[in-house]
Structures are given as C-alpha cells and as structure tokens.
PDB file of all heavy atoms in Angstrom:
ATOM      1  N   GLY A   1     -35.383  17.049  -8.824  1.00  0.00           N
ATOM      2  CA  GLY A   1     -34.178  17.847  -8.821  1.00  0.00           C
ATOM      3  C   GLY A   1     -33.498  18.004  -7.487  1.00  0.00           C
ATOM      4  O   GLY A   1     -32.742  18.961  -7.250  1.00  0.00           O
ATOM      5  N   LEU A   2     -33.752  17.026  -6.556  1.00  0.00           N
ATOM      6  CA  LEU A   2     -33.174  17.077  -5.216  1.00  0.00           C
ATOM      7  C   LEU A   2     -32.372  15.807  -4.923  1.00  0.00           C
ATOM      8  O   LEU A   2     -32.736  15.061  -4.012  1.00  0.00           O
ATOM      9  CB  LEU A   2     -34.282  17.266  -4.176  1.00  0.00           C
ATOM     10  CG  LEU A   2     -35.216  18.464  -4.301  1.00  0.00           C
ATOM     11  CD1 LEU A   2     -36.316  18.394  -3.262  1.00  0.00           C
ATOM     12  CD2 LEU A   2     -34.414  19.773  -4.211  1.00  0.00           C
ATOM     13  N   PRO A   3     -31.301  15.550  -5.671  1.00  0.00           N
ATOM     14  CA  PRO A   3     -30.533  14.326  -5.381  1.00  0.00           C
ATOM     15  C   PRO A   3     -29.957  14.337  -3.995  1.00  0.00           C
ATOM     16  O   PRO A   3     -29.556  15.390  -3.470  1.00  0.00           O
ATOM     17  CB  PRO A   3     -29.437  14.354  -6.442  1.00  0.00           C
ATOM     18  CG  PRO A   3     -29.295  15.780  -6.839  1.00  0.00           C
ATOM     19  CD  PRO A   3     -30.691  16.349  -6.741  1.00  0.00           C
ATOM     20  N   ILE A   4     -29.939  13.182  -3.367  1.00  0.00           N
ATOM     21  CA  ILE A   4     -29.384  13.017  -2.021  1.00  0.00           C
ATOM     22  C   ILE A   4     -27.852  13.040  -2.086  1.00  0.00           C
ATOM     23  O   ILE A   4     -27.251  12.435  -2.966  1.00  0.00           O
ATOM     24  CB  ILE A   4     -29.890  11.690  -1.380  1.00  0.00           C
ATOM     25  CG1 ILE A   4     -31.418  11.785  -1.172  1.00  0.00           C
ATOM     26  CG2 ILE A   4     -29.176  11.443  -0.059  1.00  0.00           C
ATOM     27  CD1 ILE A   4     -32.051  10.470  -0.762  1.00  0.00           C
ATOM     28  N   LYS A   5     -27.255  13.730  -1.154  1.00  0.00           N
ATOM     29  CA  LYS A   5     -25.796  13.816  -1.089  1.00  0.00           C
ATOM     30  C   LYS A   5     -25.174  12.422  -1.108  1.00  0.00           C
ATOM     31  O   LYS A   5     -25.567  11.554  -0.326  1.00  0.00           O
ATOM     32  CB  LYS A   5     -25.371  14.567   0.174  1.00  0.00           C
ATOM     33  CG  LYS A   5     -23.872  14.733   0.318  1.00  0.00           C
ATOM     34  CD  LYS A   5     -23.528  15.505   1.605  1.00  0.00           C
ATOM     35  CE  LYS A   5     -22.055  15.687   1.744  1.00  0.00           C
ATOM     36  NZ  LYS A   5     -21.321  14.399   2.000  1.00  0.00           N
ATOM     37  N   GLY A   6     -24.225  12.233  -2.017  1.00  0.00           N
ATOM     38  CA  GLY A   6     -23.508  10.956  -2.104  1.00  0.00           C
ATOM     39  C   GLY A   6     -24.135   9.922  -2.970  1.00  0.00           C
ATOM     40  O   GLY A   6     -23.509   8.890  -3.262  1.00  0.00           O
ATOM     41  N   ASP A   7     -25.362  10.160  -3.438  1.00  0.00           N
ATOM     42  CA  ASP A   7     -26.105   9.129  -4.194  1.00  0.00           C
ATOM     43  C   ASP A   7     -25.838   9.267  -5.694  1.00  0.00           C
ATOM     44  O   ASP A   7     -26.691   9.786  -6.433  1.00  0.00           O
ATOM     45  CB  ASP A   7     -27.575   9.245  -3.872  1.00  0.00           C
ATOM     46  CG  ASP A   7     -28.358   7.988  -4.251  1.00  0.00           C
ATOM     47  OD1 ASP A   7     -27.747   7.034  -4.800  1.00  0.00           O
ATOM     48  OD2 ASP A   7     -29.567   7.941  -4.028  1.00  0.00           O
ATOM     49  N   LEU A   8     -24.685   8.779  -6.135  1.00  0.00           N
ATOM     50  CA  LEU A   8     -24.315   8.914  -7.547  1.00  0.00           C
ATOM     51  C   LEU A   8     -25.330   8.252  -8.465  1.00  0.00           C
ATOM     52  O   LEU A   8     -25.588   8.726  -9.543  1.00  0.00           O
ATOM     53  CB  LEU A   8     -22.939   8.263  -7.766  1.00  0.00           C
ATOM     54  CG  LEU A   8     -21.740   8.962  -7.147  1.00  0.00           C
ATOM     55  CD1 LEU A   8     -20.467   8.173  -7.420  1.00  0.00           C
ATOM     56  CD2 LEU A   8     -21.607  10.397  -7.621  1.00  0.00           C
ATOM     57  N   LYS A   9     -25.927   7.154  -8.011  1.00  0.00           N
ATOM     58  CA  LYS A   9     -26.889   6.398  -8.830  1.00  0.00           C
ATOM     59  C   LYS A   9     -28.098   7.282  -9.208  1.00  0.00           C
ATOM     60  O   LYS A   9     -28.705   7.082 -10.286  1.00  0.00           O
ATOM     61  CB  LYS A   9     -27.337   5.152  -8.093  1.00  0.00           C
ATOM     62  CG  LYS A   9     -28.328   4.275  -8.875  1.00  0.00           C
ATOM     63  CD  LYS A   9     -28.560   2.927  -8.207  1.00  0.00           C
ATOM     64  CE  LYS A   9     -27.380   2.025  -8.381  1.00  0.00           C
ATOM     65  NZ  LYS A   9     -27.666   0.617  -7.947  1.00  0.00           N
ATOM     66  N   TYR A  10     -28.422   8.218  -8.369  1.00  0.00           N
ATOM     67  CA  TYR A  10     -29.602   9.055  -8.602  1.00  0.00           C
ATOM     68  C   TYR A  10     -29.246  10.542  -8.747  1.00  0.00           C
ATOM     69  O   TYR A  10     -30.037  11.405  -8.381  1.00  0.00           O
ATOM     70  CB  TYR A  10     -30.637   8.851  -7.487  1.00  0.00           C
ATOM     71  CG  TYR A  10     -31.275   7.473  -7.577  1.00  0.00           C
ATOM     72  CD1 TYR A  10     -30.799   6.426  -6.821  1.00  0.00           C
ATOM     73  CD2 TYR A  10     -32.336   7.206  -8.454  1.00  0.00           C
ATOM     74  CE1 TYR A  10     -31.356   5.153  -6.908  1.00  0.00           C
ATOM     75  CE2 TYR A  10     -32.896   5.966  -8.555  1.00  0.00           C
ATOM     76  CZ  TYR A  10     -32.395   4.944  -7.786  1.00  0.00           C
ATOM     77  OH  TYR A  10     -32.977   3.665  -7.890  1.00  0.00           O
ATOM     78  N   GLY A  11     -28.057  10.805  -9.274  1.00  0.00           N
ATOM     79  CA  GLY A  11     -27.766  12.157  -9.733  1.00  0.00           C
ATOM     80  C   GLY A  11     -26.908  13.023  -8.836  1.00  0.00           C
ATOM     81  O   GLY A  11     -26.705  14.212  -9.167  1.00  0.00           O
ATOM     82  N   ALA A  12     -26.383  12.511  -7.738  1.00  0.00           N
ATOM     83  CA  ALA A  12     -25.527  13.336  -6.893  1.00  0.00           C
ATOM     84  C   ALA A  12     -24.216  13.694  -7.645  1.00  0.00           C
ATOM     85  O   ALA A  12     -23.755  12.915  -8.489  1.00  0.00           O
ATOM     86  CB  ALA A  12     -25.188  12.599  -5.589  1.00  0.00           C
ATOM     87  N   SER A  13     -23.655  14.803  -7.357  1.00  0.00           N
ATOM     88  CA  SER A  13     -22.470  15.298  -8.077  1.00  0.00           C
ATOM     89  C   SER A  13     -21.204  14.559  -7.647  1.00  0.00           C
ATOM     90  O   SER A  13     -20.251  14.464  -8.417  1.00  0.00           O
ATOM     91  CB  SER A  13     -22.295  16.778  -7.885  1.00  0.00           C
ATOM     92  OG  SER A  13     -22.164  17.109  -6.498  1.00  0.00           O
ATOM     93  N   ARG A  14     -21.157  14.026  -6.435  1.00  0.00           N
ATOM     94  CA  ARG A  14     -19.982  13.318  -5.971  1.00  0.00           C
ATOM     95  C   ARG A  14     -20.411  12.306  -4.900  1.00  0.00           C
ATOM     96  O   ARG A  14     -21.470  12.422  -4.288  1.00  0.00           O
ATOM     97  CB  ARG A  14     -18.932  14.258  -5.413  1.00  0.00           C
ATOM     98  CG  ARG A  14     -19.381  15.096  -4.244  1.00  0.00           C
ATOM     99  CD  ARG A  14     -18.275  16.028  -3.753  1.00  0.00           C
ATOM    100  NE  ARG A  14     -17.906  16.961  -4.783  1.00  0.00           N
ATOM    101  CZ  ARG A  14     -18.482  18.146  -4.990  1.00  0.00           C
ATOM    102  NH1 ARG A  14     -19.527  18.496  -4.248  1.00  0.00           N
ATOM    103  NH2 ARG A  14     -18.093  18.928  -5.931  1.00  0.00           N
ATOM    104  N   SER A  15     -19.544  11.323  -4.698  1.00  0.00           N
ATOM    105  CA  SER A  15     -19.828  10.302  -3.694  1.00  0.00           C
ATOM    106  C   SER A  15     -19.385  10.748  -2.299  1.00  0.00           C
ATOM    107  O   SER A  15     -18.580  11.672  -2.161  1.00  0.00           O
ATOM    108  CB  SER A  15     -19.112   8.991  -4.044  1.00  0.00           C
ATOM    109  OG  SER A  15     -17.719   9.186  -4.067  1.00  0.00           O
ATOM    110  N   ASN A  16     -19.927  10.103  -1.264  1.00  0.00           N
ATOM    111  CA  ASN A  16     -19.423  10.297   0.085  1.00  0.00           C
ATOM    112  C   ASN A  16     -18.181   9.471   0.287  1.00  0.00           C
ATOM    113  O   ASN A  16     -18.083   8.354  -0.267  1.00  0.00           O
ATOM    114  CB  ASN A  16     -20.492   9.919   1.120  1.00  0.00           C
ATOM    115  CG  ASN A  16     -21.648  10.919   1.160  1.00  0.00           C
ATOM    116  OD1 ASN A  16     -21.508  12.048   0.731  1.00  0.00           O
ATOM    117  ND2 ASN A  16     -22.773  10.466   1.711  1.00  0.00           N
ATOM    118  N   PRO A  17     -17.214   9.945   1.078  1.00  0.00           N
ATOM    119  CA  PRO A  17     -15.942   9.219   1.260  1.00  0.00           C
ATOM    120  C   PRO A  17     -16.121   7.778   1.726  1.00  0.00           C
ATOM    121  O   PRO A  17     -15.368   6.894   1.363  1.00  0.00           O
ATOM    122  CB  PRO A  17     -15.217  10.070   2.312  1.00  0.00           C
ATOM    123  CG  PRO A  17     -15.761  11.447   2.121  1.00  0.00           C
ATOM    124  CD  PRO A  17     -17.208  11.258   1.766  1.00  0.00           C
ATOM    125  N   ASN A  18     -17.129   7.522   2.543  1.00  0.00           N
ATOM    126  CA  ASN A  18     -17.316   6.161   3.097  1.00  0.00           C
ATOM    127  C   ASN A  18     -18.289   5.324   2.279  1.00  0.00           C
ATOM    128  O   ASN A  18     -18.644   4.212   2.686  1.00  0.00           O
ATOM    129  CB  ASN A  18     -17.788   6.224   4.548  1.00  0.00           C
ATOM    130  CG  ASN A  18     -19.149   6.897   4.705  1.00  0.00           C
ATOM    131  OD1 ASN A  18     -19.741   7.375   3.734  1.00  0.00           O
ATOM    132  ND2 ASN A  18     -19.651   6.956   5.910  1.00  0.00           N
ATOM    133  N   GLY A  19     -18.729   5.804   1.122  1.00  0.00           N
ATOM    134  CA  GLY A  19     -19.640   5.061   0.273  1.00  0.00           C
ATOM    135  C   GLY A  19     -21.072   5.106   0.665  1.00  0.00           C
ATOM    136  O   GLY A  19     -21.939   4.473   0.035  1.00  0.00           O
ATOM    137  N   SER A  20     -21.371   5.862   1.714  1.00  0.00           N
ATOM    138  CA  SER A  20     -22.767   5.984   2.176  1.00  0.00           C
ATOM    139  C   SER A  20     -23.518   6.972   1.309  1.00  0.00           C
ATOM    140  O   SER A  20     -22.904   7.672   0.456  1.00  0.00           O
ATOM    141  CB  SER A  20     -22.817   6.465   3.627  1.00  0.00           C
ATOM    142  OG  SER A  20     -22.400   7.824   3.705  1.00  0.00           O
ATOM    143  N   ILE A  21     -24.824   7.066   1.496  1.00  0.00           N
ATOM    144  CA  ILE A  21     -25.590   8.191   0.996  1.00  0.00           C
ATOM    145  C   ILE A  21     -26.217   8.871   2.202  1.00  0.00           C
ATOM    146  O   ILE A  21     -26.436   8.248   3.221  1.00  0.00           O
ATOM    147  CB  ILE A  21     -26.663   7.766  -0.049  1.00  0.00           C
ATOM    148  CG1 ILE A  21     -27.725   6.911   0.568  1.00  0.00           C
ATOM    149  CG2 ILE A  21     -26.009   7.075  -1.248  1.00  0.00           C
ATOM    150  CD1 ILE A  21     -28.911   6.602  -0.357  1.00  0.00           C
ATOM    151  N   SER A  22     -26.476  10.156   2.093  1.00  0.00           N
ATOM    152  CA  SER A  22     -26.935  10.926   3.238  1.00  0.00           C
ATOM    153  C   SER A  22     -28.435  10.827   3.459  1.00  0.00           C
ATOM    154  O   SER A  22     -29.175  11.810   3.361  1.00  0.00           O
ATOM    155  CB  SER A  22     -26.475  12.383   3.121  1.00  0.00           C
ATOM    156  OG  SER A  22     -25.057  12.442   3.087  1.00  0.00           O
ATOM    157  N   LEU A  23     -28.877   9.586   3.674  1.00  0.00           N
ATOM    158  CA  LEU A  23     -30.264   9.271   3.952  1.00  0.00           C
ATOM    159  C   LEU A  23     -30.292   8.446   5.238  1.00  0.00           C
ATOM    160  O   LEU A  23     -29.578   7.453   5.339  1.00  0.00           O
ATOM    161  CB  LEU A  23     -30.910   8.516   2.763  1.00  0.00           C
ATOM    162  CG  LEU A  23     -32.359   8.107   2.929  1.00  0.00           C
ATOM    163  CD1 LEU A  23     -33.271   9.317   3.054  1.00  0.00           C
ATOM    164  CD2 LEU A  23     -32.802   7.248   1.737  1.00  0.00           C
ATOM    165  N   HIS A  24     -31.123   8.878   6.174  1.00  0.00           N
ATOM    166  CA  HIS A  24     -31.106   8.264   7.504  1.00  0.00           C
ATOM    167  C   HIS A  24     -32.559   7.973   7.960  1.00  0.00           C
ATOM    168  O   HIS A  24     -33.407   8.877   7.969  1.00  0.00           O
ATOM    169  CB  HIS A  24     -30.429   9.224   8.510  1.00  0.00           C
ATOM    170  CG  HIS A  24     -30.349   8.739   9.908  1.00  0.00           C
ATOM    171  ND1 HIS A  24     -29.578   7.659  10.277  1.00  0.00           N
ATOM    172  CD2 HIS A  24     -30.948   9.202  11.053  1.00  0.00           C
ATOM    173  CE1 HIS A  24     -29.685   7.470  11.591  1.00  0.00           C
ATOM    174  NE2 HIS A  24     -30.525   8.382  12.074  1.00  0.00           N
ATOM    175  N   ALA A  25     -32.813   6.716   8.303  1.00  0.00           N
ATOM    176  CA  ALA A  25     -34.135   6.347   8.859  1.00  0.00           C
ATOM    177  C   ALA A  25     -34.212   6.860  10.267  1.00  0.00           C
ATOM    178  O   ALA A  25     -33.711   6.224  11.212  1.00  0.00           O
ATOM    179  CB  ALA A  25     -34.304   4.835   8.792  1.00  0.00           C
ATOM    180  N   ARG A  26     -34.802   8.025  10.442  1.00  0.00           N
ATOM    181  CA  ARG A  26     -34.697   8.787  11.691  1.00  0.00           C
ATOM    182  C   ARG A  26     -35.647   8.347  12.786  1.00  0.00           C
ATOM    183  O   ARG A  26     -35.252   8.289  13.952  1.00  0.00           O
ATOM    184  CB  ARG A  26     -34.943  10.265  11.350  1.00  0.00           C
ATOM    185  CG  ARG A  26     -35.003  11.220  12.534  1.00  0.00           C
ATOM    186  CD  ARG A  26     -33.688  11.324  13.265  1.00  0.00           C
ATOM    187  NE  ARG A  26     -33.749  12.403  14.255  1.00  0.00           N
ATOM    188  CZ  ARG A  26     -32.778  12.673  15.116  1.00  0.00           C
ATOM    189  NH1 ARG A  26     -31.641  11.978  15.077  1.00  0.00           N
ATOM    190  NH2 ARG A  26     -32.890  13.665  15.994  1.00  0.00           N
ATOM    191  N   ALA A  27     -36.903   8.076  12.444  1.00  0.00           N
ATOM    192  CA  ALA A  27     -37.887   7.792  13.509  1.00  0.00           C
ATOM    193  C   ALA A  27     -38.930   6.803  13.033  1.00  0.00           C
ATOM    194  O   ALA A  27     -39.174   6.671  11.825  1.00  0.00           O
ATOM    195  CB  ALA A  27     -38.545   9.077  13.982  1.00  0.00           C
ATOM    196  N   ILE A  28     -39.555   6.121  13.984  1.00  0.00           N
ATOM    197  CA  ILE A  28     -40.607   5.181  13.666  1.00  0.00           C
ATOM    198  C   ILE A  28     -41.647   5.189  14.775  1.00  0.00           C
ATOM    199  O   ILE A  28     -41.297   5.353  15.978  1.00  0.00           O
ATOM    200  CB  ILE A  28     -40.044   3.770  13.455  1.00  0.00           C
ATOM    201  CG1 ILE A  28     -41.069   2.855  12.750  1.00  0.00           C
ATOM    202  CG2 ILE A  28     -39.551   3.152  14.746  1.00  0.00           C
ATOM    203  CD1 ILE A  28     -40.453   1.568  12.189  1.00  0.00           C
ATOM    204  N   ASP A  29     -42.912   5.077  14.412  1.00  0.00           N
ATOM    205  CA  ASP A  29     -44.023   5.041  15.354  1.00  0.00           C
ATOM    206  C   ASP A  29     -44.969   3.909  14.976  1.00  0.00           C
ATOM    207  O   ASP A  29     -45.326   3.779  13.810  1.00  0.00           O
ATOM    208  CB  ASP A  29     -44.817   6.362  15.319  1.00  0.00           C
ATOM    209  CG  ASP A  29     -44.046   7.518  15.883  1.00  0.00           C
ATOM    210  OD1 ASP A  29     -43.250   8.150  15.124  1.00  0.00           O
ATOM    211  OD2 ASP A  29     -44.244   7.834  17.054  1.00  0.00           O
ATOM    212  N   PHE A  30     -45.386   3.139  15.984  1.00  0.00           N
ATOM    213  CA  PHE A  30     -46.366   2.070  15.748  1.00  0.00           C
ATOM    214  C   PHE A  30     -46.907   1.596  17.070  1.00  0.00           C
ATOM    215  O   PHE A  30     -46.327   1.854  18.141  1.00  0.00           O
ATOM    216  CB  PHE A  30     -45.755   0.916  14.940  1.00  0.00           C
ATOM    217  CG  PHE A  30     -44.600   0.237  15.630  1.00  0.00           C
ATOM    218  CD1 PHE A  30     -44.794  -0.836  16.500  1.00  0.00           C
ATOM    219  CD2 PHE A  30     -43.288   0.686  15.421  1.00  0.00           C
ATOM    220  CE1 PHE A  30     -43.708  -1.476  17.124  1.00  0.00           C
ATOM    221  CE2 PHE A  30     -42.213   0.086  16.039  1.00  0.00           C
ATOM    222  CZ  PHE A  30     -42.434  -1.010  16.890  1.00  0.00           C
ATOM    223  N   ILE A  31     -48.021   0.885  17.049  1.00  0.00           N
ATOM    224  CA  ILE A  31     -48.562   0.254  18.216  1.00  0.00           C
ATOM    225  C   ILE A  31     -47.925  -1.122  18.370  1.00  0.00           C
ATOM    226  O   ILE A  31     -47.934  -1.918  17.451  1.00  0.00           O
ATOM    227  CB  ILE A  31     -50.119   0.129  18.114  1.00  0.00           C
ATOM    228  CG1 ILE A  31     -50.739   1.520  17.954  1.00  0.00           C
ATOM    229  CG2 ILE A  31     -50.659  -0.564  19.355  1.00  0.00           C
ATOM    230  CD1 ILE A  31     -50.475   2.488  19.096  1.00  0.00           C
ATOM    231  N   HIS A  32     -47.403  -1.377  19.542  1.00  0.00           N
ATOM    232  CA  HIS A  32     -46.725  -2.643  19.808  1.00  0.00           C
ATOM    233  C   HIS A  32     -47.663  -3.822  19.491  1.00  0.00           C
ATOM    234  O   HIS A  32     -48.844  -3.802  19.895  1.00  0.00           O
ATOM    235  CB  HIS A  32     -46.265  -2.738  21.244  1.00  0.00           C
ATOM    236  CG  HIS A  32     -45.305  -3.817  21.549  1.00  0.00           C
ATOM    237  ND1 HIS A  32     -45.664  -5.146  21.626  1.00  0.00           N
ATOM    238  CD2 HIS A  32     -43.977  -3.772  21.820  1.00  0.00           C
ATOM    239  CE1 HIS A  32     -44.605  -5.869  21.919  1.00  0.00           C
ATOM    240  NE2 HIS A  32     -43.560  -5.081  22.038  1.00  0.00           N
ATOM    241  N   PRO A  33     -47.183  -4.833  18.780  1.00  0.00           N
ATOM    242  CA  PRO A  33     -48.078  -5.906  18.348  1.00  0.00           C
ATOM    243  C   PRO A  33     -48.609  -6.787  19.478  1.00  0.00           C
ATOM    244  O   PRO A  33     -49.604  -7.488  19.288  1.00  0.00           O
ATOM    245  CB  PRO A  33     -47.168  -6.750  17.414  1.00  0.00           C
ATOM    246  CG  PRO A  33     -45.790  -6.495  17.891  1.00  0.00           C
ATOM    247  CD  PRO A  33     -45.788  -5.038  18.301  1.00  0.00           C
ATOM    248  N   VAL A  34     -48.004  -6.733  20.642  1.00  0.00           N
ATOM    249  CA  VAL A  34     -48.428  -7.580  21.752  1.00  0.00           C
ATOM    250  C   VAL A  34     -48.949  -6.728  22.928  1.00  0.00           C
ATOM    251  O   VAL A  34     -50.063  -6.923  23.427  1.00  0.00           O
ATOM    252  CB  VAL A  34     -47.282  -8.506  22.235  1.00  0.00           C
ATOM    253  CG1 VAL A  34     -47.738  -9.344  23.436  1.00  0.00           C
ATOM    254  CG2 VAL A  34     -46.831  -9.403  21.099  1.00  0.00           C
ATOM    255  N   THR A  35     -48.141  -5.765  23.363  1.00  0.00           N
ATOM    256  CA  THR A  35     -48.539  -4.931  24.527  1.00  0.00           C
ATOM    257  C   THR A  35     -49.569  -3.867  24.179  1.00  0.00           C
ATOM    258  O   THR A  35     -50.224  -3.312  25.050  1.00  0.00           O
ATOM    259  CB  THR A  35     -47.321  -4.243  25.138  1.00  0.00           C
ATOM    260  OG1 THR A  35     -46.811  -3.248  24.229  1.00  0.00           O
ATOM    261  CG2 THR A  35     -46.231  -5.258  25.466  1.00  0.00           C
ATOM    262  N   LYS A  36     -49.641  -3.532  22.889  1.00  0.00           N
ATOM    263  CA  LYS A  36     -50.598  -2.503  22.363  1.00  0.00           C
ATOM    264  C   LYS A  36     -50.204  -1.076  22.817  1.00  0.00           C
ATOM    265  O   LYS A  36     -50.978  -0.148  22.687  1.00  0.00           O
ATOM    266  CB  LYS A  36     -52.035  -2.789  22.794  1.00  0.00           C
ATOM    267  CG  LYS A  36     -52.517  -4.191  22.467  1.00  0.00           C
ATOM    268  CD  LYS A  36     -52.349  -4.516  20.963  1.00  0.00           C
ATOM    269  CE  LYS A  36     -52.811  -5.946  20.655  1.00  0.00           C
ATOM    270  NZ  LYS A  36     -52.552  -6.307  19.234  1.00  0.00           N
ATOM    271  N   LYS A  37     -48.968  -0.923  23.311  1.00  0.00           N
ATOM    272  CA  LYS A  37     -48.508   0.436  23.697  1.00  0.00           C
ATOM    273  C   LYS A  37     -47.891   1.124  22.475  1.00  0.00           C
ATOM    274  O   LYS A  37     -47.370   0.458  21.578  1.00  0.00           O
ATOM    275  CB  LYS A  37     -47.456   0.303  24.803  1.00  0.00           C
ATOM    276  CG  LYS A  37     -48.018  -0.196  26.136  1.00  0.00           C
ATOM    277  CD  LYS A  37     -46.954  -0.223  27.186  1.00  0.00           C
ATOM    278  CE  LYS A  37     -47.511  -0.710  28.540  1.00  0.00           C
ATOM    279  NZ  LYS A  37     -46.440  -0.755  29.595  1.00  0.00           N
ATOM    280  N   LEU A  38     -47.927   2.454  22.486  1.00  0.00           N
ATOM    281  CA  LEU A  38     -47.298   3.209  21.414  1.00  0.00           C
ATOM    282  C   LEU A  38     -45.784   3.136  21.525  1.00  0.00           C
ATOM    283  O   LEU A  38     -45.234   3.418  22.603  1.00  0.00           O
ATOM    284  CB  LEU A  38     -47.772   4.659  21.464  1.00  0.00           C
ATOM    285  CG  LEU A  38     -47.088   5.615  20.462  1.00  0.00           C
ATOM    286  CD1 LEU A  38     -47.426   5.248  19.023  1.00  0.00           C
ATOM    287  CD2 LEU A  38     -47.476   7.071  20.715  1.00  0.00           C
ATOM    288  N   ILE A  39     -45.148   2.771  20.455  1.00  0.00           N
ATOM    289  CA  ILE A  39     -43.679   2.751  20.381  1.00  0.00           C
ATOM    290  C   ILE A  39     -43.225   3.911  19.517  1.00  0.00           C
ATOM    291  O   ILE A  39     -43.645   4.025  18.362  1.00  0.00           O
ATOM    292  CB  ILE A  39     -43.153   1.411  19.810  1.00  0.00           C
ATOM    293  CG1 ILE A  39     -43.656   0.233  20.631  1.00  0.00           C
ATOM    294  CG2 ILE A  39     -41.636   1.426  19.713  1.00  0.00           C
ATOM    295  CD1 ILE A  39     -43.151   0.209  22.055  1.00  0.00           C
ATOM    296  N   HIS A  40     -42.379   4.767  20.058  1.00  0.00           N
ATOM    297  CA  HIS A  40     -41.829   5.909  19.331  1.00  0.00           C
ATOM    298  C   HIS A  40     -40.327   5.866  19.500  1.00  0.00           C
ATOM    299  O   HIS A  40     -39.821   5.989  20.616  1.00  0.00           O
ATOM    300  CB  HIS A  40     -42.378   7.217  19.826  1.00  0.00           C
ATOM    301  CG  HIS A  40     -41.718   8.425  19.238  1.00  0.00           C
ATOM    302  ND1 HIS A  40     -41.824   8.751  17.893  1.00  0.00           N
ATOM    303  CD2 HIS A  40     -40.930   9.385  19.805  1.00  0.00           C
ATOM    304  CE1 HIS A  40     -41.130   9.845  17.672  1.00  0.00           C
ATOM    305  NE2 HIS A  40     -40.590  10.238  18.788  1.00  0.00           N
ATOM    306  N   ILE A  41     -39.602   5.668  18.410  1.00  0.00           N
ATOM    307  CA  ILE A  41     -38.157   5.510  18.465  1.00  0.00           C
ATOM    308  C   ILE A  41     -37.492   6.540  17.556  1.00  0.00           C
ATOM    309  O   ILE A  41     -37.946   6.763  16.435  1.00  0.00           O
ATOM    310  CB  ILE A  41     -37.711   4.110  18.010  1.00  0.00           C
ATOM    311  CG1 ILE A  41     -38.379   3.022  18.846  1.00  0.00           C
ATOM    312  CG2 ILE A  41     -36.205   3.950  18.030  1.00  0.00           C
ATOM    313  CD1 ILE A  41     -37.982   3.028  20.292  1.00  0.00           C
ATOM    314  N   ILE A  42     -36.425   7.191  18.063  1.00  0.00           N
ATOM    315  CA  ILE A  42     -35.642   8.092  17.259  1.00  0.00           C
ATOM    316  C   ILE A  42     -34.198   7.577  17.204  1.00  0.00           C
ATOM    317  O   ILE A  42     -33.628   7.189  18.248  1.00  0.00           O
ATOM    318  CB  ILE A  42     -35.636   9.531  17.864  1.00  0.00           C
ATOM    319  CG1 ILE A  42     -37.039  10.109  17.802  1.00  0.00           C
ATOM    320  CG2 ILE A  42     -34.668  10.440  17.109  1.00  0.00           C
ATOM    321  CD1 ILE A  42     -37.156  11.482  18.435  1.00  0.00           C
ATOM    322  N   ALA A  43     -33.639   7.533  16.022  1.00  0.00           N
ATOM    323  CA  ALA A  43     -32.277   7.049  15.845  1.00  0.00           C
ATOM    324  C   ALA A  43     -31.283   8.192  15.733  1.00  0.00           C
ATOM    325  O   ALA A  43     -31.463   9.066  14.847  1.00  0.00           O
ATOM    326  CB  ALA A  43     -32.173   6.172  14.583  1.00  0.00           C
ATOM    327  N   PRO A  44     -30.276   8.245  16.585  1.00  0.00           N
ATOM    328  CA  PRO A  44     -29.248   9.278  16.445  1.00  0.00           C
ATOM    329  C   PRO A  44     -28.606   9.238  15.048  1.00  0.00           C
ATOM    330  O   PRO A  44     -28.516   8.160  14.439  1.00  0.00           O
ATOM    331  CB  PRO A  44     -28.225   8.943  17.535  1.00  0.00           C
ATOM    332  CG  PRO A  44     -28.983   8.125  18.531  1.00  0.00           C
ATOM    333  CD  PRO A  44     -30.020   7.373  17.734  1.00  0.00           C
ATOM    334  N   VAL A  45     -28.168  10.367  14.540  1.00  0.00           N
ATOM    335  CA  VAL A  45     -27.522  10.409  13.228  1.00  0.00           C
ATOM    336  C   VAL A  45     -26.151   9.734  13.317  1.00  0.00           C
ATOM    337  O   VAL A  45     -25.627   9.550  14.408  1.00  0.00           O
ATOM    338  CB  VAL A  45     -27.408  11.846  12.721  1.00  0.00           C
ATOM    339  CG1 VAL A  45     -28.781  12.464  12.532  1.00  0.00           C
ATOM    340  CG2 VAL A  45     -26.557  12.697  13.662  1.00  0.00           C
TER     341      VAL A  45
END
C-alpha cells in the first residue's frame, strides 16, 4: 500500500510531469575489485 510517487504502473494516483518515478538510487558501498579499498558513493537527488 505504498505506491511510489509517479509510478502509475504500480498504483500511483498520478504521473510525474517529466515521466519519472520518485525512486532514486541514492548510495552504494563495496570493496574495490582491484585496490580492495572501501568505495562509498552518494548520488545527489
């Protein structure tokens, strides 16, 4: 019962003007495959 804003396909009440849905891949963490250092990235909205 928690449809994402703008996601008509999954039950949102209306679309977003630009056709997007309000879902954002915000951050990611992993160990670098070569250097073995921790990578922590945050994406601005």
